[in-house]
Protein backbone atom coordinates (compact mmCIF):
# COMPACT_ATOMS: atom_id res chain seq x y z
CA MET A 1 5.24 32.48 -16.09
CA VAL A 2 4.46 30.37 -19.16
CA LYS A 3 8.14 29.33 -19.40
CA LYS A 4 7.68 27.69 -15.98
CA TYR A 5 5.28 25.19 -17.64
CA GLU A 6 7.27 24.68 -20.83
CA GLY A 7 8.35 21.17 -19.81
CA ASP A 8 4.74 20.09 -19.21
CA ILE A 9 3.60 21.65 -22.49
CA LYS A 10 6.33 19.82 -24.44
CA GLN A 11 5.04 16.48 -23.09
CA LEU A 12 1.52 17.01 -24.45
CA ASP A 13 0.36 14.78 -27.26
CA GLU A 14 -0.93 16.21 -30.55
CA GLU A 15 -4.55 16.50 -29.49
CA GLU A 16 -3.68 18.05 -26.12
CA LEU A 17 -1.44 20.59 -27.87
CA ARG A 18 -4.23 21.49 -30.28
CA ILE A 19 -6.64 22.05 -27.37
CA TYR A 20 -4.03 23.99 -25.41
CA GLY A 21 -3.30 26.19 -28.42
CA LEU A 22 -7.00 26.91 -28.96
CA ALA A 23 -7.49 27.73 -25.28
CA VAL A 24 -4.50 30.09 -25.27
CA GLU A 25 -5.76 31.74 -28.46
CA ILE A 26 -9.24 32.21 -26.95
CA LEU A 27 -7.81 33.50 -23.72
CA GLY A 28 -5.57 35.86 -25.68
CA LYS A 29 -8.58 37.32 -27.44
CA LEU A 30 -10.58 37.50 -24.25
CA LEU A 31 -7.77 38.95 -22.22
CA ALA A 32 -6.14 41.26 -24.71
CA PRO A 33 -3.79 43.66 -22.82
CA GLY A 34 -5.30 47.04 -22.23
CA GLU A 35 -8.88 45.97 -23.02
CA THR A 36 -11.53 46.14 -20.36
CA TYR A 37 -14.00 43.61 -19.12
CA GLY A 38 -17.15 43.51 -16.99
CA ASP A 39 -16.50 46.16 -14.38
CA GLY A 40 -14.24 48.23 -16.67
CA ASN A 41 -10.95 46.99 -15.27
CA ALA A 42 -8.16 46.52 -17.72
CA ILE A 43 -6.62 43.06 -18.12
CA ASN A 44 -2.84 43.08 -18.15
CA THR A 45 -0.32 40.57 -19.41
CA GLU A 46 0.27 39.25 -15.89
CA THR A 47 -3.39 38.22 -15.72
CA PHE A 48 -3.09 36.54 -19.12
CA GLU A 49 0.04 34.66 -18.05
CA GLY A 50 -1.61 33.71 -14.80
CA VAL A 51 -4.53 32.21 -16.68
CA THR A 52 -2.24 30.31 -19.11
CA GLY A 53 -0.29 29.08 -16.06
CA MET A 54 -3.50 27.81 -14.49
CA LEU A 55 -4.36 26.10 -17.77
CA SER A 56 -0.93 24.45 -17.81
CA ASP A 57 -1.40 23.38 -14.17
CA LEU A 58 -4.76 21.79 -15.07
CA ILE A 59 -3.17 19.86 -17.92
CA ALA A 60 -0.22 18.74 -15.80
CA ASN A 61 -2.53 17.67 -12.99
CA GLU A 62 -4.72 15.70 -15.38
CA LYS A 63 -1.65 13.92 -16.81
CA LYS A 64 -0.49 13.15 -13.26
CA ARG A 65 -3.92 11.78 -12.41
CA GLU A 66 -3.88 9.61 -15.53
CA ARG A 67 -0.45 8.22 -14.59
CA GLU A 68 -1.68 7.43 -11.07
CA ILE A 69 -4.75 5.66 -12.48
CA ARG A 70 -2.57 3.59 -14.84
CA LYS A 71 -0.21 2.74 -11.96
CA ARG A 72 -3.13 1.59 -9.74
CA GLU A 73 -4.54 -0.48 -12.63
CA MET A 74 -1.15 -2.16 -13.08
CA GLU A 75 -0.94 -2.92 -9.36
CA ILE A 76 -4.44 -4.41 -9.41
CA ARG A 77 -3.60 -6.59 -12.41
CA LYS A 78 -0.40 -7.72 -10.66
CA GLN A 79 -2.41 -8.65 -7.55
CA GLU A 80 -4.95 -10.51 -9.64
CA ARG A 81 -2.19 -12.49 -11.38
CA GLU A 82 -0.63 -13.38 -8.03
CA GLN A 83 -4.04 -14.47 -6.66
CA GLY A 84 -4.49 -16.62 -9.76
CA ARG A 85 -1.11 -18.23 -9.26
CA GLU A 86 -1.90 -18.88 -5.61
CA GLN A 87 -5.22 -20.50 -6.60
CA GLU A 88 -3.38 -22.67 -9.15
CA ARG A 89 -0.97 -23.80 -6.41
CA VAL A 90 -3.88 -24.74 -4.13
CA GLU A 91 -5.62 -26.66 -6.94
CA THR A 92 -2.29 -28.46 -7.72
CA ALA A 93 -1.93 -29.34 -4.04
CA LYS A 94 -5.46 -30.78 -3.94
CA ARG A 95 -4.73 -32.93 -7.00
CA PHE A 96 -1.44 -34.17 -5.49
CA LEU A 97 -3.13 -34.96 -2.19
CA GLY A 98 -5.80 -36.83 -4.10
CA MET A 99 -3.08 -38.91 -5.70
CA GLY A 100 -1.85 -39.92 -2.27
CA LEU A 101 1.40 -37.93 -2.14
CA THR A 102 2.79 -37.01 1.25
CA VAL A 103 2.33 -33.48 2.64
CA GLU A 104 6.03 -32.81 2.10
CA GLN A 105 5.88 -33.98 -1.51
CA VAL A 106 2.81 -31.84 -2.17
CA ALA A 107 4.42 -28.80 -0.57
CA GLU A 108 7.48 -29.22 -2.77
CA GLY A 109 5.52 -29.91 -5.93
CA SER A 110 3.02 -27.07 -5.43
CA CYS A 111 5.47 -24.49 -3.99
CA LEU A 112 3.20 -24.06 -0.92
CA PRO A 113 4.36 -24.09 2.67
CA ILE A 114 3.79 -27.36 4.58
CA ASP A 115 1.36 -25.72 6.98
CA GLU A 116 -0.76 -24.49 4.02
CA VAL A 117 -0.82 -28.00 2.53
CA GLU A 118 -1.86 -29.38 5.93
CA LYS A 119 -4.76 -26.89 6.01
CA ILE A 120 -5.84 -27.97 2.54
CA LEU A 121 -5.61 -31.61 3.58
CA ASN A 122 -7.74 -30.94 6.66
CA GLY A 123 -10.29 -29.14 4.47
CA LEU A 124 -10.48 -32.10 2.11
CA LYS A 125 -11.07 -34.50 5.03
CA GLN A 126 -14.14 -32.59 6.24
């Protein structure tokens, strides 16, 4: 069962490996084959491997969650950059319109569609 998670374990950083090793060591002591617990039932190696498998799953799921969070953060930063660029284009269009350039010239110079420049112009007139 532990072999199933070998790939995930190999991807752990040094601190995660240390924690994993300690957890397995503790579980090994707690779940020693043939020993009994609580209600007198013996713990077998399958139980131990099941627990280490669950621990591996927890670590793998946490790593996946961290990757998803980083991906979402990158997407948010990308959206923020694009919104900033769009705002710069609008500000550029306003300056060009203030200089008396035509709507077509402003659209070309600011990389905005003509209809967007017309909306900006109408907003400035109000």
